[in-house]
Amino acid sequence: MTKKELNIVTRELKEGINYPDTDLTPLWGCALPEFSLFQFISKEVIVMHLRWQCIMMNGNIDEKELNECLQILKDKKVIMV
């Protein structure tokens, strides 16, 4: 993912933009070594994946987890469509 794409998904996460009924299965196991490189994933799936991973019980964003998730997406060379 490019820096511009990372900024887009991070901004949408922080603004609380929600995409209900989004299927998150394309990113299941993205941190595992078996997850293949160069996956084409929609913006909506990425935002909802980040929401699932990074939103704490009090509604705040876990910034450490967000940085780790974004690094995984960059390392796995996820391509946002």
N, C-alpha and C. Protein backbone atom coordinates (compact mmCIF):
# COMPACT_ATOMS: atom_id res chain seq x y z
N MET A 1 0.84 -1.17 0.00
CA MET A 1 0.00 0.00 0.00
C MET A 1 0.88 1.24 0.00
N THR A 2 0.42 2.23 -0.71
CA THR A 2 1.17 3.48 -0.77
C THR A 2 0.86 4.33 0.46
N LYS A 3 1.66 5.34 0.69
CA LYS A 3 1.44 6.23 1.83
C LYS A 3 0.09 6.93 1.69
N LYS A 4 -0.28 7.31 0.47
CA LYS A 4 -1.56 7.96 0.23
C LYS A 4 -2.72 7.03 0.61
N GLU A 5 -2.62 5.76 0.21
CA GLU A 5 -3.67 4.79 0.53
C GLU A 5 -3.75 4.55 2.04
N LEU A 6 -2.60 4.47 2.69
CA LEU A 6 -2.59 4.29 4.14
C LEU A 6 -3.25 5.48 4.83
N ASN A 7 -3.00 6.68 4.33
CA ASN A 7 -3.63 7.87 4.91
C ASN A 7 -5.14 7.85 4.71
N ILE A 8 -5.59 7.37 3.56
CA ILE A 8 -7.03 7.31 3.28
C ILE A 8 -7.73 6.37 4.25
N VAL A 9 -7.22 5.15 4.41
CA VAL A 9 -7.89 4.19 5.29
C VAL A 9 -7.79 4.61 6.75
N THR A 10 -6.67 5.22 7.14
CA THR A 10 -6.52 5.69 8.51
C THR A 10 -7.48 6.84 8.79
N ARG A 11 -7.63 7.75 7.84
CA ARG A 11 -8.56 8.87 8.01
C ARG A 11 -9.99 8.35 8.16
N GLU A 12 -10.38 7.40 7.31
CA GLU A 12 -11.74 6.87 7.38
C GLU A 12 -11.97 6.14 8.70
N LEU A 13 -10.96 5.43 9.18
CA LEU A 13 -11.08 4.76 10.47
C LEU A 13 -11.28 5.78 11.58
N LYS A 14 -10.48 6.83 11.60
CA LYS A 14 -10.55 7.84 12.66
C LYS A 14 -11.82 8.68 12.57
N GLU A 15 -12.38 8.84 11.37
CA GLU A 15 -13.63 9.59 11.21
C GLU A 15 -14.85 8.74 11.53
N GLY A 16 -14.65 7.45 11.75
CA GLY A 16 -15.75 6.58 12.11
C GLY A 16 -16.57 6.11 10.92
N ILE A 17 -16.03 6.21 9.73
CA ILE A 17 -16.75 5.75 8.55
C ILE A 17 -16.88 4.23 8.63
N ASN A 18 -18.08 3.75 8.40
CA ASN A 18 -18.40 2.35 8.59
C ASN A 18 -18.98 1.77 7.31
N TYR A 19 -18.61 0.55 7.00
CA TYR A 19 -19.16 -0.16 5.83
C TYR A 19 -19.80 -1.45 6.33
N PRO A 20 -21.07 -1.38 6.73
CA PRO A 20 -21.72 -2.57 7.28
C PRO A 20 -21.83 -3.67 6.23
N ASP A 21 -21.91 -4.87 6.72
CA ASP A 21 -22.06 -6.07 5.88
C ASP A 21 -20.87 -6.29 4.95
N THR A 22 -19.69 -5.80 5.33
CA THR A 22 -18.49 -6.03 4.54
C THR A 22 -17.88 -7.36 4.94
N ASP A 23 -17.54 -8.17 3.97
CA ASP A 23 -16.93 -9.48 4.21
C ASP A 23 -15.44 -9.28 4.50
N LEU A 24 -15.01 -9.64 5.69
CA LEU A 24 -13.62 -9.46 6.10
C LEU A 24 -12.72 -10.64 5.78
N THR A 25 -13.27 -11.71 5.22
CA THR A 25 -12.47 -12.91 4.99
C THR A 25 -11.26 -12.71 4.08
N PRO A 26 -11.25 -11.75 3.14
CA PRO A 26 -10.03 -11.60 2.33
C PRO A 26 -8.77 -11.27 3.14
N LEU A 27 -8.92 -10.71 4.32
CA LEU A 27 -7.75 -10.37 5.13
C LEU A 27 -7.54 -11.29 6.33
N TRP A 28 -8.33 -12.35 6.43
CA TRP A 28 -8.13 -13.30 7.53
C TRP A 28 -6.73 -13.90 7.41
N GLY A 29 -6.01 -13.88 8.49
CA GLY A 29 -4.67 -14.46 8.53
C GLY A 29 -3.62 -13.64 7.81
N CYS A 30 -3.85 -12.35 7.66
CA CYS A 30 -2.91 -11.53 6.89
C CYS A 30 -1.54 -11.45 7.54
N ALA A 31 -1.43 -11.68 8.82
CA ALA A 31 -0.12 -11.63 9.49
C ALA A 31 0.62 -12.96 9.43
N LEU A 32 -0.04 -14.00 8.96
CA LEU A 32 0.59 -15.31 8.90
C LEU A 32 1.50 -15.43 7.68
N PRO A 33 2.52 -16.26 7.77
CA PRO A 33 3.44 -16.42 6.64
C PRO A 33 2.77 -17.01 5.40
N GLU A 34 1.68 -17.74 5.59
CA GLU A 34 0.99 -18.37 4.46
C GLU A 34 0.19 -17.38 3.63
N PHE A 35 -0.06 -16.20 4.17
CA PHE A 35 -0.84 -15.20 3.44
C PHE A 35 -0.01 -14.74 2.24
N SER A 36 -0.58 -14.86 1.06
CA SER A 36 0.19 -14.57 -0.15
C SER A 36 0.38 -13.06 -0.36
N LEU A 37 1.44 -12.73 -1.04
CA LEU A 37 1.76 -11.34 -1.35
C LEU A 37 0.89 -10.83 -2.48
N PHE A 38 0.80 -9.51 -2.59
CA PHE A 38 0.11 -8.82 -3.68
C PHE A 38 -1.36 -9.20 -3.80
N GLN A 39 -2.08 -9.11 -2.69
CA GLN A 39 -3.52 -9.33 -2.70
C GLN A 39 -4.22 -8.03 -3.09
N PHE A 40 -5.22 -8.11 -3.94
CA PHE A 40 -6.05 -6.97 -4.31
C PHE A 40 -7.25 -6.94 -3.38
N ILE A 41 -7.32 -5.91 -2.52
CA ILE A 41 -8.36 -5.82 -1.50
C ILE A 41 -9.04 -4.47 -1.60
N SER A 42 -10.35 -4.46 -1.46
CA SER A 42 -11.09 -3.19 -1.56
C SER A 42 -10.85 -2.33 -0.32
N LYS A 43 -11.01 -1.04 -0.50
CA LYS A 43 -10.83 -0.08 0.58
C LYS A 43 -11.77 -0.39 1.74
N GLU A 44 -12.99 -0.75 1.42
CA GLU A 44 -13.98 -1.03 2.44
C GLU A 44 -13.56 -2.18 3.35
N VAL A 45 -13.00 -3.22 2.76
CA VAL A 45 -12.54 -4.37 3.54
C VAL A 45 -11.38 -3.97 4.45
N ILE A 46 -10.46 -3.17 3.94
CA ILE A 46 -9.31 -2.74 4.73
C ILE A 46 -9.75 -1.88 5.91
N VAL A 47 -10.66 -0.94 5.67
CA VAL A 47 -11.14 -0.06 6.75
C VAL A 47 -11.85 -0.89 7.82
N MET A 48 -12.71 -1.80 7.41
CA MET A 48 -13.43 -2.60 8.40
C MET A 48 -12.50 -3.57 9.12
N HIS A 49 -11.48 -4.07 8.45
CA HIS A 49 -10.47 -4.92 9.11
C HIS A 49 -9.75 -4.11 10.19
N LEU A 50 -9.35 -2.89 9.86
CA LEU A 50 -8.68 -2.04 10.84
C LEU A 50 -9.61 -1.72 12.00
N ARG A 51 -10.88 -1.48 11.71
CA ARG A 51 -11.85 -1.21 12.76
C ARG A 51 -11.95 -2.42 13.70
N TRP A 52 -12.02 -3.60 13.14
CA TRP A 52 -12.12 -4.82 13.94
C TRP A 52 -10.87 -5.02 14.80
N GLN A 53 -9.71 -4.72 14.25
CA GLN A 53 -8.45 -4.96 14.95
C GLN A 53 -8.09 -3.87 15.95
N CYS A 54 -8.47 -2.63 15.69
CA CYS A 54 -7.89 -1.50 16.42
C CYS A 54 -8.83 -0.73 17.34
N ILE A 55 -10.12 -0.92 17.23
CA ILE A 55 -11.04 -0.18 18.09
C ILE A 55 -11.12 -0.87 19.45
N MET A 56 -10.87 -0.09 20.51
CA MET A 56 -10.91 -0.63 21.87
C MET A 56 -12.34 -0.59 22.40
N MET A 57 -12.55 -1.21 23.53
CA MET A 57 -13.89 -1.29 24.12
C MET A 57 -14.45 0.08 24.47
N ASN A 58 -13.59 1.05 24.73
CA ASN A 58 -14.08 2.39 25.06
C ASN A 58 -14.29 3.25 23.82
N GLY A 59 -14.08 2.69 22.62
CA GLY A 59 -14.31 3.41 21.38
C GLY A 59 -13.10 4.12 20.82
N ASN A 60 -12.02 4.18 21.59
CA ASN A 60 -10.79 4.80 21.10
C ASN A 60 -10.02 3.85 20.18
N ILE A 61 -9.06 4.40 19.50
CA ILE A 61 -8.24 3.60 18.59
C ILE A 61 -6.94 3.23 19.28
N ASP A 62 -6.59 1.96 19.23
CA ASP A 62 -5.32 1.48 19.76
C ASP A 62 -4.25 1.81 18.71
N GLU A 63 -3.53 2.89 18.92
CA GLU A 63 -2.56 3.39 17.93
C GLU A 63 -1.44 2.39 17.68
N LYS A 64 -1.01 1.68 18.71
CA LYS A 64 0.05 0.69 18.54
C LYS A 64 -0.43 -0.43 17.60
N GLU A 65 -1.62 -0.92 17.85
CA GLU A 65 -2.18 -1.97 17.00
C GLU A 65 -2.40 -1.46 15.57
N LEU A 66 -2.85 -0.22 15.44
CA LEU A 66 -3.05 0.36 14.12
C LEU A 66 -1.73 0.39 13.34
N ASN A 67 -0.67 0.83 13.99
CA ASN A 67 0.64 0.86 13.32
C ASN A 67 1.10 -0.54 12.91
N GLU A 68 0.85 -1.53 13.78
CA GLU A 68 1.24 -2.90 13.46
C GLU A 68 0.43 -3.43 12.27
N CYS A 69 -0.87 -3.15 12.25
CA CYS A 69 -1.72 -3.61 11.15
C CYS A 69 -1.31 -2.95 9.83
N LEU A 70 -1.03 -1.65 9.87
CA LEU A 70 -0.60 -0.96 8.65
C LEU A 70 0.73 -1.49 8.15
N GLN A 71 1.63 -1.82 9.07
CA GLN A 71 2.92 -2.39 8.67
C GLN A 71 2.73 -3.76 8.03
N ILE A 72 1.82 -4.55 8.54
CA ILE A 72 1.54 -5.87 7.95
C ILE A 72 1.00 -5.69 6.54
N LEU A 73 0.08 -4.75 6.35
CA LEU A 73 -0.47 -4.51 5.01
C LEU A 73 0.62 -4.06 4.04
N LYS A 74 1.57 -3.25 4.52
CA LYS A 74 2.68 -2.82 3.66
C LYS A 74 3.61 -3.99 3.36
N ASP A 75 3.93 -4.79 4.37
CA ASP A 75 4.84 -5.92 4.19
C ASP A 75 4.27 -6.96 3.24
N LYS A 76 2.98 -7.19 3.33
CA LYS A 76 2.31 -8.18 2.47
C LYS A 76 1.97 -7.61 1.10
N LYS A 77 2.30 -6.34 0.89
CA LYS A 77 2.09 -5.67 -0.38
C LYS A 77 0.63 -5.73 -0.85
N VAL A 78 -0.27 -5.46 0.11
CA VAL A 78 -1.69 -5.41 -0.22
C VAL A 78 -1.93 -4.23 -1.12
N ILE A 79 -2.70 -4.45 -2.18
CA ILE A 79 -3.02 -3.43 -3.15
C ILE A 79 -4.48 -3.04 -2.97
N MET A 80 -4.72 -1.75 -2.67
CA MET A 80 -6.08 -1.29 -2.43
C MET A 80 -6.74 -0.97 -3.78
N VAL A 81 -7.93 -1.50 -3.95
CA VAL A 81 -8.70 -1.22 -5.17
C VAL A 81 -9.98 -0.50 -4.82
